[in-house]
Amino acid sequence: MENQTYTEKDLVTFGEYLLSKEREKRIEGDLHGKRTYQPIDTKRRVYHADLENWKNEKRK
């Protein structure tokens, strides 16, 4: 695993992504048909996929 350094601005934009409607829609789409967690529990957790999705969005 590669270590990366993030600026304060990066951390703020990642936090904004975690609170975004886009992430909420992604989670709801992933849970559709396979509810192993309650949506509210899933939204409160931060996953590796969240970081990867945010980095992909940042590159656009």
N, C-alpha and C. Protein backbone atom coordinates (compact mmCIF):
# COMPACT_ATOMS: atom_id res chain seq x y z
N MET A 1 0.84 -1.17 0.00
CA MET A 1 0.00 0.00 0.00
C MET A 1 0.89 1.24 0.00
N GLU A 2 0.58 2.14 -0.88
CA GLU A 2 1.36 3.37 -1.03
C GLU A 2 0.90 4.42 -0.03
N ASN A 3 1.84 5.02 0.68
CA ASN A 3 1.51 6.12 1.58
C ASN A 3 1.41 7.40 0.78
N GLN A 4 0.37 8.16 1.05
CA GLN A 4 0.20 9.44 0.39
C GLN A 4 0.01 10.51 1.45
N THR A 5 0.38 11.71 1.10
CA THR A 5 0.18 12.85 1.97
C THR A 5 -0.93 13.71 1.38
N TYR A 6 -1.85 14.13 2.22
CA TYR A 6 -2.97 14.94 1.77
C TYR A 6 -2.92 16.30 2.46
N THR A 7 -3.31 17.30 1.72
CA THR A 7 -3.35 18.66 2.27
C THR A 7 -4.63 18.83 3.08
N GLU A 8 -4.69 19.92 3.80
CA GLU A 8 -5.90 20.25 4.56
C GLU A 8 -7.08 20.41 3.60
N LYS A 9 -6.84 21.01 2.45
CA LYS A 9 -7.88 21.18 1.45
C LYS A 9 -8.40 19.81 0.98
N ASP A 10 -7.48 18.86 0.75
CA ASP A 10 -7.87 17.51 0.35
C ASP A 10 -8.77 16.87 1.41
N LEU A 11 -8.39 17.02 2.67
CA LEU A 11 -9.17 16.42 3.74
C LEU A 11 -10.56 17.03 3.83
N VAL A 12 -10.65 18.31 3.60
CA VAL A 12 -11.96 18.98 3.60
C VAL A 12 -12.82 18.47 2.44
N THR A 13 -12.23 18.37 1.25
CA THR A 13 -13.03 17.89 0.11
C THR A 13 -13.43 16.43 0.29
N PHE A 14 -12.59 15.62 0.94
CA PHE A 14 -12.96 14.24 1.22
C PHE A 14 -14.14 14.21 2.21
N GLY A 15 -14.08 15.04 3.23
CA GLY A 15 -15.20 15.15 4.19
C GLY A 15 -16.48 15.58 3.50
N GLU A 16 -16.37 16.51 2.58
CA GLU A 16 -17.54 16.95 1.82
C GLU A 16 -18.09 15.81 0.97
N TYR A 17 -17.20 15.01 0.39
CA TYR A 17 -17.63 13.85 -0.39
C TYR A 17 -18.40 12.87 0.51
N LEU A 18 -17.88 12.64 1.73
CA LEU A 18 -18.54 11.70 2.64
C LEU A 18 -19.96 12.15 2.99
N LEU A 19 -20.19 13.46 2.98
CA LEU A 19 -21.51 14.00 3.30
C LEU A 19 -22.38 14.24 2.07
N SER A 20 -21.87 13.94 0.90
CA SER A 20 -22.54 14.31 -0.35
C SER A 20 -23.70 13.39 -0.72
N LYS A 21 -24.61 13.95 -1.51
CA LYS A 21 -25.72 13.18 -2.07
C LYS A 21 -25.19 12.11 -3.02
N GLU A 22 -24.10 12.41 -3.70
CA GLU A 22 -23.50 11.44 -4.63
C GLU A 22 -23.12 10.15 -3.89
N ARG A 23 -22.46 10.31 -2.75
CA ARG A 23 -22.08 9.13 -1.96
C ARG A 23 -23.33 8.42 -1.45
N GLU A 24 -24.30 9.17 -1.01
CA GLU A 24 -25.54 8.58 -0.51
C GLU A 24 -26.22 7.74 -1.59
N LYS A 25 -26.25 8.27 -2.81
CA LYS A 25 -26.85 7.52 -3.93
C LYS A 25 -26.04 6.26 -4.24
N ARG A 26 -24.72 6.37 -4.16
CA ARG A 26 -23.85 5.22 -4.41
C ARG A 26 -24.11 4.11 -3.39
N ILE A 27 -24.22 4.49 -2.13
CA ILE A 27 -24.48 3.52 -1.07
C ILE A 27 -25.84 2.87 -1.27
N GLU A 28 -26.85 3.68 -1.54
CA GLU A 28 -28.19 3.14 -1.74
C GLU A 28 -28.23 2.21 -2.94
N GLY A 29 -27.46 2.53 -3.98
CA GLY A 29 -27.39 1.67 -5.15
C GLY A 29 -26.70 0.35 -4.82
N ASP A 30 -25.65 0.41 -4.01
CA ASP A 30 -24.92 -0.80 -3.62
C ASP A 30 -25.77 -1.68 -2.72
N LEU A 31 -26.63 -1.08 -1.92
CA LEU A 31 -27.44 -1.85 -0.98
C LEU A 31 -28.68 -2.44 -1.63
N HIS A 32 -29.03 -1.93 -2.80
CA HIS A 32 -30.25 -2.39 -3.46
C HIS A 32 -30.21 -3.90 -3.66
N GLY A 33 -31.12 -4.59 -3.01
CA GLY A 33 -31.22 -6.03 -3.17
C GLY A 33 -30.32 -6.86 -2.27
N LYS A 34 -29.38 -6.25 -1.60
CA LYS A 34 -28.50 -7.03 -0.72
C LYS A 34 -28.23 -6.28 0.58
N ARG A 35 -29.25 -6.12 1.35
CA ARG A 35 -29.14 -5.35 2.60
C ARG A 35 -28.55 -6.18 3.72
N THR A 36 -27.26 -6.06 3.90
CA THR A 36 -26.60 -6.72 5.01
C THR A 36 -26.46 -5.74 6.18
N TYR A 37 -26.52 -4.45 5.88
CA TYR A 37 -26.48 -3.42 6.90
C TYR A 37 -27.69 -2.52 6.71
N GLN A 38 -28.07 -1.85 7.75
CA GLN A 38 -29.09 -0.82 7.62
C GLN A 38 -28.43 0.37 6.94
N PRO A 39 -29.12 1.05 6.03
CA PRO A 39 -28.50 2.19 5.32
C PRO A 39 -27.88 3.23 6.25
N ILE A 40 -28.53 3.52 7.36
CA ILE A 40 -27.99 4.54 8.26
C ILE A 40 -26.63 4.10 8.81
N ASP A 41 -26.47 2.81 9.13
CA ASP A 41 -25.19 2.31 9.62
C ASP A 41 -24.11 2.42 8.56
N THR A 42 -24.48 2.09 7.33
CA THR A 42 -23.52 2.13 6.23
C THR A 42 -23.08 3.55 5.95
N LYS A 43 -23.97 4.50 6.04
CA LYS A 43 -23.63 5.90 5.77
C LYS A 43 -22.71 6.48 6.84
N ARG A 44 -22.73 5.90 8.01
CA ARG A 44 -21.90 6.42 9.10
C ARG A 44 -20.48 5.89 9.05
N ARG A 45 -20.25 4.85 8.29
CA ARG A 45 -18.92 4.25 8.20
C ARG A 45 -18.17 4.81 7.00
N VAL A 46 -16.85 4.80 7.10
CA VAL A 46 -16.00 5.23 5.98
C VAL A 46 -15.28 3.99 5.48
N TYR A 47 -15.34 3.79 4.18
CA TYR A 47 -14.78 2.59 3.57
C TYR A 47 -13.63 2.96 2.64
N HIS A 48 -12.79 1.98 2.35
CA HIS A 48 -11.70 2.16 1.39
C HIS A 48 -12.28 2.62 0.05
N ALA A 49 -13.42 2.07 -0.32
CA ALA A 49 -14.08 2.46 -1.57
C ALA A 49 -14.40 3.95 -1.59
N ASP A 50 -14.73 4.52 -0.44
CA ASP A 50 -15.00 5.97 -0.37
C ASP A 50 -13.76 6.76 -0.77
N LEU A 51 -12.62 6.35 -0.25
CA LEU A 51 -11.37 7.04 -0.59
C LEU A 51 -11.06 6.91 -2.08
N GLU A 52 -11.22 5.71 -2.61
CA GLU A 52 -10.95 5.48 -4.03
C GLU A 52 -11.92 6.26 -4.92
N ASN A 53 -13.20 6.27 -4.56
CA ASN A 53 -14.19 7.04 -5.33
C ASN A 53 -13.87 8.52 -5.30
N TRP A 54 -13.49 9.03 -4.13
CA TRP A 54 -13.13 10.45 -4.00
C TRP A 54 -11.91 10.78 -4.85
N LYS A 55 -10.88 9.90 -4.82
CA LYS A 55 -9.68 10.15 -5.62
C LYS A 55 -10.02 10.14 -7.13
N ASN A 56 -10.89 9.24 -7.52
CA ASN A 56 -11.31 9.22 -8.94
C ASN A 56 -12.05 10.48 -9.32
N GLU A 57 -12.92 10.96 -8.44
CA GLU A 57 -13.66 12.20 -8.72
C GLU A 57 -12.70 13.39 -8.78
N LYS A 58 -11.71 13.39 -7.92
CA LYS A 58 -10.73 14.48 -7.85
C LYS A 58 -9.91 14.57 -9.14
N ARG A 59 -9.67 13.42 -9.79
CA ARG A 59 -8.89 13.40 -11.02
C ARG A 59 -9.65 13.97 -12.22
N LYS A 60 -10.96 14.00 -12.13
CA LYS A 60 -11.77 14.47 -13.27
C LYS A 60 -11.64 15.95 -13.49
